[in-house]
Amino acid sequence: MAPVTTTRSTTTRSTATRNRATRLLTAAAVLSGLLLSAAQAHAAPPPSPAGASAAAAVTTLPVVDMEATVLAAQIDPRRADNTLTPGAKDSVLAVEQALQARNLLDARWVDGYFGTTTIAAYAAFQRSLGYSGLDANGLPGASSLAALGQGRFTVTHQIGPGARLQRDGYTVDTRTQNMLTEAERLLGFRLTLDQGSYNPGGDPTSAGTHDGGGVVDINVDGMSSTTRTAVARALRQVGFAAWVRNPTQGNWPWHIHAAAISDTDLATQAQNQTGDYYLGLNGLANHAADDGPRIPIQTWEQYQRTH
């Protein structure tokens, strides 16, 4: 009889153990379910269709390349035809469409060509923001371009003149100073200014080119013809429209005149000079052929990306 009792007792204990295991597994499953439900309850809801559409709209805004746009605003007004500045069409179109939306530009001028009509419309927009003087010169500046593009386009490759500083007793902006410093590095000697920037009416023979930023005259006293040409070439290499000027061209002594391409503080007259430079002209009122060293034309920003 003892063996039978022992067997029943063992069987009973095994059954009890299985029951406890089953209860533990059930409890664990219930707890897991509760935790999952709680996590789902606190999870962020999926974006609404309206929210998804808004996000998509942000990512599909046109992109305006500021470098290309500013370049077009210098070259296009000087062209004898409606040839577009390479690489600028889409950016200029986005800017013109935004100007049209503000009733500042007629639809017929929304063509990707940043001509005089678009310059005037952009200057009107700058004035509507409360800007005046150089800040309303028709060249897109970083702040005005951002304001115009609000909700319509984003801006890439932003540029600007930087703060004003003193060099050789004259005022220049930081961008111009950096360009001169790099030209000096290429030449291996220092350049001295005969005239700086932001000098409205300071030299009537300059026809207003020095009224804004980005324009300087280089002293060439003691330089040979070869050295003068080398200086003009170095200035062109770093992004200036630069010419050796001589007394037969106007009421001035020998000097090198240099206008920093795409300086957004350029006076209108200097904008015209940089545009003429791209079109193979000498930047003077006679619109004669460029008489300086011919090298591939580039802006300061383009130079920096390759050096």
Protein backbone atom coordinates (compact mmCIF):
# COMPACT_ATOMS: atom_id res chain seq x y z
CA MET A 1 0.00 0.00 0.00
CA ALA A 2 2.85 2.47 0.69
CA PRO A 3 4.02 2.59 -2.93
CA VAL A 4 0.52 3.48 -4.13
CA THR A 5 0.28 6.36 -1.64
CA THR A 6 3.66 7.63 -2.70
CA THR A 7 2.62 7.63 -6.38
CA ARG A 8 -0.58 9.56 -5.74
CA SER A 9 1.32 12.13 -3.68
CA THR A 10 3.88 12.61 -6.47
CA THR A 11 1.14 12.94 -9.06
CA THR A 12 -0.70 15.51 -6.94
CA ARG A 13 2.47 17.59 -6.52
CA SER A 14 3.17 17.52 -10.26
CA THR A 15 -0.35 18.65 -11.01
CA ALA A 16 -0.09 21.50 -8.51
CA THR A 17 3.21 22.61 -10.01
CA ARG A 18 1.71 22.70 -13.52
CA ASN A 19 -1.26 24.70 -12.26
CA ARG A 20 1.02 27.30 -10.64
CA ALA A 21 3.07 27.60 -13.83
CA THR A 22 -0.09 28.08 -15.86
CA ARG A 23 -1.30 30.81 -13.53
CA LEU A 24 2.07 32.58 -13.69
CA LEU A 25 2.07 32.49 -17.51
CA THR A 26 -1.48 33.81 -17.59
CA ALA A 27 -0.62 36.64 -15.22
CA ALA A 28 2.43 37.54 -17.31
CA ALA A 29 0.34 37.65 -20.47
CA VAL A 30 -2.24 39.87 -18.82
CA LEU A 31 0.48 42.22 -17.53
CA SER A 32 2.10 42.37 -20.97
CA GLY A 33 -1.24 43.26 -22.51
CA LEU A 34 -1.82 46.01 -19.98
CA LEU A 35 1.63 47.49 -20.62
CA LEU A 36 1.11 47.41 -24.38
CA SER A 37 -2.27 49.12 -24.06
CA ALA A 38 -0.76 51.83 -21.87
CA ALA A 39 2.05 52.46 -24.33
CA GLN A 40 -0.41 52.70 -27.20
CA ALA A 41 -2.58 55.08 -25.24
CA HIS A 42 0.35 57.45 -24.67
CA ALA A 43 1.82 57.18 -28.17
CA ALA A 44 1.63 60.29 -30.39
CA PRO A 45 -1.27 60.09 -32.83
CA PRO A 46 -0.39 59.73 -36.52
CA PRO A 47 -0.18 63.04 -38.41
CA SER A 48 -3.46 64.25 -39.75
CA PRO A 49 -3.86 64.50 -43.52
CA ALA A 50 -3.76 68.29 -43.21
CA GLY A 51 -0.51 68.16 -41.23
CA ALA A 52 1.03 65.81 -43.76
CA SER A 53 0.08 68.17 -46.58
CA ALA A 54 1.64 71.12 -44.77
CA ALA A 55 4.87 69.19 -44.24
CA ALA A 56 4.94 68.25 -47.90
CA ALA A 57 4.38 71.87 -48.91
CA VAL A 58 7.40 72.98 -46.85
CA THR A 59 9.68 70.44 -48.47
CA THR A 60 8.58 71.32 -51.99
CA LEU A 61 9.19 75.09 -51.82
CA PRO A 62 11.42 76.35 -54.64
CA VAL A 63 15.04 77.07 -53.76
CA VAL A 64 16.55 80.45 -54.67
CA ASP A 65 20.33 80.48 -55.14
CA MET A 66 21.27 83.93 -53.86
CA GLU A 67 24.67 83.92 -55.56
CA ALA A 68 23.13 83.20 -58.97
CA THR A 69 20.32 85.72 -58.43
CA VAL A 70 22.63 88.57 -57.44
CA LEU A 71 24.91 87.80 -60.38
CA ALA A 72 21.96 87.93 -62.79
CA ALA A 73 20.88 91.26 -61.29
CA GLN A 74 24.26 92.72 -62.29
CA ILE A 75 24.62 91.19 -65.75
CA ASP A 76 21.09 91.07 -67.18
CA PRO A 77 20.41 94.84 -67.10
CA ARG A 78 23.55 95.41 -69.20
CA ARG A 79 22.67 92.96 -71.97
CA ALA A 80 21.56 94.14 -75.38
CA ASP A 81 19.20 91.16 -75.61
CA ASN A 82 17.21 88.93 -73.25
CA THR A 83 19.82 86.22 -72.85
CA LEU A 84 19.50 84.64 -69.40
CA THR A 85 22.40 84.37 -66.99
CA PRO A 86 23.43 80.69 -66.90
CA GLY A 87 22.24 78.85 -63.80
CA ALA A 88 20.03 81.70 -62.59
CA LYS A 89 16.71 81.21 -64.40
CA ASP A 90 14.81 79.16 -61.79
CA SER A 91 15.97 81.36 -58.92
CA VAL A 92 15.12 84.59 -60.73
CA LEU A 93 11.70 83.20 -61.71
CA ALA A 94 10.90 82.43 -58.07
CA VAL A 95 11.90 85.97 -57.06
CA GLU A 96 9.87 87.53 -59.89
CA GLN A 97 6.81 85.43 -59.04
CA ALA A 98 7.03 86.63 -55.45
CA LEU A 99 7.30 90.25 -56.63
CA GLN A 100 4.31 89.72 -58.91
CA ALA A 101 2.30 88.31 -56.00
CA ARG A 102 2.93 91.61 -54.20
CA ASN A 103 1.76 93.60 -57.24
CA LEU A 104 5.25 95.00 -57.77
CA LEU A 105 5.96 93.32 -61.11
CA ASP A 106 3.70 92.78 -64.10
CA ALA A 107 3.24 89.17 -65.24
CA ARG A 108 4.89 89.82 -68.61
CA TRP A 109 8.21 90.47 -66.84
CA VAL A 110 8.16 87.16 -64.96
CA ASP A 111 10.59 85.48 -67.35
CA GLY A 112 13.77 84.56 -65.45
CA TYR A 113 15.55 87.68 -66.75
CA PHE A 114 16.63 90.07 -63.97
CA GLY A 115 16.51 93.19 -66.14
CA THR A 116 16.00 96.82 -65.22
CA THR A 117 12.27 96.35 -64.62
CA THR A 118 12.92 93.57 -62.11
CA ILE A 119 15.67 95.67 -60.49
CA ALA A 120 13.16 98.52 -60.05
CA ALA A 121 10.52 96.14 -58.65
CA TYR A 122 12.97 94.65 -56.19
CA ALA A 123 14.10 98.11 -55.08
CA ALA A 124 10.43 99.00 -54.49
CA PHE A 125 10.07 95.89 -52.34
CA GLN A 126 13.17 96.87 -50.34
CA ARG A 127 11.68 100.32 -49.76
CA SER A 128 8.42 98.70 -48.64
CA LEU A 129 10.44 97.05 -45.88
CA GLY A 130 11.66 100.47 -44.76
CA TYR A 131 15.09 100.23 -46.41
CA SER A 132 16.72 103.16 -48.17
CA GLY A 133 20.00 104.10 -49.81
CA LEU A 134 22.29 101.15 -50.53
CA ASP A 135 19.82 98.82 -48.79
CA ALA A 136 17.31 99.63 -51.55
CA ASN A 137 19.66 99.40 -54.55
CA GLY A 138 17.70 96.64 -56.30
CA LEU A 139 20.30 93.96 -55.60
CA PRO A 140 18.81 91.20 -53.44
CA GLY A 141 20.22 91.30 -49.93
CA ALA A 142 20.02 88.40 -47.49
CA SER A 143 17.36 89.95 -45.24
CA SER A 144 15.13 91.31 -48.02
CA LEU A 145 15.37 88.03 -49.95
CA ALA A 146 14.35 86.06 -46.86
CA ALA A 147 11.40 88.40 -46.32
CA LEU A 148 10.29 88.11 -49.94
CA GLY A 149 10.56 84.33 -49.85
CA GLN A 150 8.49 83.81 -46.71
CA GLY A 151 6.17 80.90 -47.51
CA ARG A 152 7.22 80.97 -51.18
CA PHE A 153 10.85 79.87 -51.44
CA THR A 154 13.94 79.06 -49.41
CA VAL A 155 17.34 80.70 -49.92
CA THR A 156 20.69 78.99 -50.38
CA HIS A 157 24.25 80.28 -50.97
CA GLN A 158 23.66 83.46 -49.00
CA ILE A 159 26.24 86.22 -49.41
CA GLY A 160 26.80 89.64 -47.86
CA PRO A 161 29.39 92.43 -47.55
CA GLY A 162 30.01 92.02 -43.83
CA ALA A 163 30.98 94.80 -41.43
CA ARG A 164 32.76 97.98 -42.48
CA LEU A 165 36.37 98.57 -41.46
CA GLN A 166 39.29 100.86 -42.17
CA ARG A 167 42.16 100.16 -44.57
CA ASP A 168 44.84 102.71 -45.49
CA GLY A 169 42.59 105.43 -44.08
CA TYR A 170 39.63 104.42 -46.27
CA THR A 171 36.42 102.52 -45.54
CA VAL A 172 35.90 99.07 -47.05
CA ASP A 173 33.69 96.14 -46.11
CA THR A 174 34.91 92.83 -44.73
CA ARG A 175 34.28 90.89 -47.93
CA THR A 176 36.36 93.38 -49.95
CA GLN A 177 39.16 93.31 -47.37
CA ASN A 178 39.29 89.51 -47.50
CA MET A 179 39.49 89.61 -51.28
CA LEU A 180 42.33 92.14 -51.21
CA THR A 181 44.21 90.06 -48.65
CA GLU A 182 43.99 86.99 -50.87
CA ALA A 183 45.14 88.96 -53.92
CA GLU A 184 48.13 90.14 -51.88
CA ARG A 185 48.93 86.55 -50.96
CA LEU A 186 48.92 85.58 -54.64
CA LEU A 187 51.12 88.55 -55.57
CA GLY A 188 53.52 88.31 -52.64
CA PHE A 189 53.33 92.01 -51.74
CA ARG A 190 50.93 94.47 -50.13
CA LEU A 191 48.59 96.74 -52.06
CA THR A 192 47.89 100.34 -51.07
CA LEU A 193 44.56 102.05 -51.68
CA ASP A 194 44.13 105.40 -53.38
CA GLN A 195 40.38 105.37 -52.73
CA GLY A 196 37.99 103.20 -50.78
CA SER A 197 34.27 102.46 -50.64
CA TYR A 198 31.18 104.15 -49.15
CA ASN A 199 32.43 107.54 -50.37
CA PRO A 200 29.38 109.29 -51.89
CA GLY A 201 30.46 112.24 -53.99
CA GLY A 202 34.05 111.91 -52.81
CA ASP A 203 35.54 111.79 -56.30
CA PRO A 204 33.44 113.18 -59.15
CA THR A 205 35.71 111.51 -61.74
CA SER A 206 34.59 108.10 -60.45
CA ALA A 207 31.00 108.68 -61.61
CA GLY A 208 29.54 107.37 -58.35
CA THR A 209 31.17 103.92 -58.46
CA HIS A 210 32.69 104.44 -54.99
CA ASP A 211 29.38 105.61 -53.45
CA GLY A 212 28.64 102.08 -52.24
CA GLY A 213 30.65 99.07 -51.09
CA GLY A 214 33.01 96.72 -52.89
CA VAL A 215 34.92 99.32 -54.95
CA VAL A 216 38.54 100.45 -54.43
CA ASP A 217 41.32 102.14 -56.38
CA ILE A 218 44.83 100.67 -56.06
CA ASN A 219 47.90 102.93 -55.99
CA VAL A 220 50.37 101.91 -58.74
CA ASP A 221 53.17 104.43 -58.09
CA GLY A 222 56.51 102.82 -58.94
CA MET A 223 54.92 99.78 -60.59
CA SER A 224 56.07 98.67 -64.01
CA SER A 225 53.55 97.91 -66.73
CA THR A 226 54.13 94.20 -66.13
CA THR A 227 53.45 94.56 -62.40
CA ARG A 228 50.30 96.62 -62.99
CA THR A 229 48.97 93.89 -65.25
CA ALA A 230 49.89 91.22 -62.69
CA VAL A 231 47.96 93.11 -59.98
CA ALA A 232 44.89 93.44 -62.20
CA ARG A 233 45.08 89.71 -62.98
CA ALA A 234 45.32 88.74 -59.29
CA LEU A 235 42.38 91.00 -58.44
CA ARG A 236 40.33 89.42 -61.21
CA GLN A 237 41.29 85.96 -60.03
CA VAL A 238 39.78 86.52 -56.57
CA GLY A 239 36.55 88.05 -57.90
CA PHE A 240 37.07 91.71 -58.77
CA ALA A 241 36.19 93.37 -62.05
CA ALA A 242 39.55 95.16 -62.30
CA TRP A 243 41.15 97.41 -64.89
CA VAL A 244 44.35 99.40 -65.17
CA ARG A 245 43.27 103.02 -65.72
CA ASN A 246 45.50 105.61 -67.39
CA PRO A 247 45.28 109.41 -67.90
CA THR A 248 44.24 109.09 -71.55
CA GLN A 249 40.94 107.51 -70.45
CA GLY A 250 39.79 110.24 -68.09
CA ASN A 251 40.75 112.96 -65.65
CA TRP A 252 42.75 110.71 -63.34
CA PRO A 253 46.30 109.45 -62.76
CA TRP A 254 47.44 105.87 -63.36
CA HIS A 255 45.65 103.51 -60.98
CA ILE A 256 43.84 100.18 -60.87
CA HIS A 257 40.08 100.35 -60.44
CA ALA A 258 38.49 97.28 -58.86
CA ALA A 259 34.83 96.47 -58.17
CA ALA A 260 34.01 93.37 -56.14
CA ILE A 261 31.56 91.29 -58.19
CA SER A 262 28.33 90.50 -56.29
CA ASP A 263 29.00 92.80 -53.34
CA THR A 264 25.37 93.50 -52.42
CA ASP A 265 26.31 97.05 -51.34
CA LEU A 266 27.46 98.03 -54.86
CA ALA A 267 26.25 101.42 -56.06
CA THR A 268 24.22 101.29 -59.27
CA GLN A 269 27.18 102.55 -61.31
CA ALA A 270 29.40 99.82 -59.90
CA GLN A 271 26.72 97.20 -60.57
CA ASN A 272 26.84 98.34 -64.20
CA GLN A 273 30.61 97.96 -64.27
CA THR A 274 30.55 94.39 -63.00
CA GLY A 275 27.86 93.54 -65.54
CA ASP A 276 29.93 95.08 -68.34
CA TYR A 277 32.96 93.09 -67.20
CA TYR A 278 31.05 89.83 -67.75
CA LEU A 279 30.09 91.05 -71.21
CA GLY A 280 33.70 91.77 -72.22
CA LEU A 281 33.63 95.56 -71.80
CA ASN A 282 35.96 98.00 -70.05
CA GLY A 283 33.48 99.41 -67.50
CA LEU A 284 33.79 102.95 -68.88
CA ALA A 285 31.15 105.17 -70.45
CA ASN A 286 32.52 104.49 -73.94
CA HIS A 287 31.64 100.77 -73.61
CA ALA A 288 34.89 99.82 -75.31
CA ALA A 289 36.29 96.30 -75.27
CA ASP A 290 37.89 95.00 -72.09
CA ASP A 291 41.55 96.01 -72.09
CA GLY A 292 42.58 93.94 -69.07
CA PRO A 293 44.08 90.46 -68.70
CA ARG A 294 41.49 87.90 -69.82
CA ILE A 295 41.02 85.06 -67.36
CA PRO A 296 37.96 82.93 -66.46
CA ILE A 297 35.59 85.24 -64.59
CA GLN A 298 34.49 84.17 -61.13
CA THR A 299 33.11 85.65 -57.92
CA TRP A 300 34.86 85.61 -54.56
CA GLU A 301 32.61 82.77 -53.40
CA GLN A 302 33.39 80.69 -56.49
CA TYR A 303 37.11 81.32 -55.96
CA GLN A 304 36.89 80.18 -52.33
CA ARG A 305 35.23 76.90 -53.31
CA THR A 306 38.14 75.98 -55.57
CA HIS A 307 41.06 77.12 -53.38
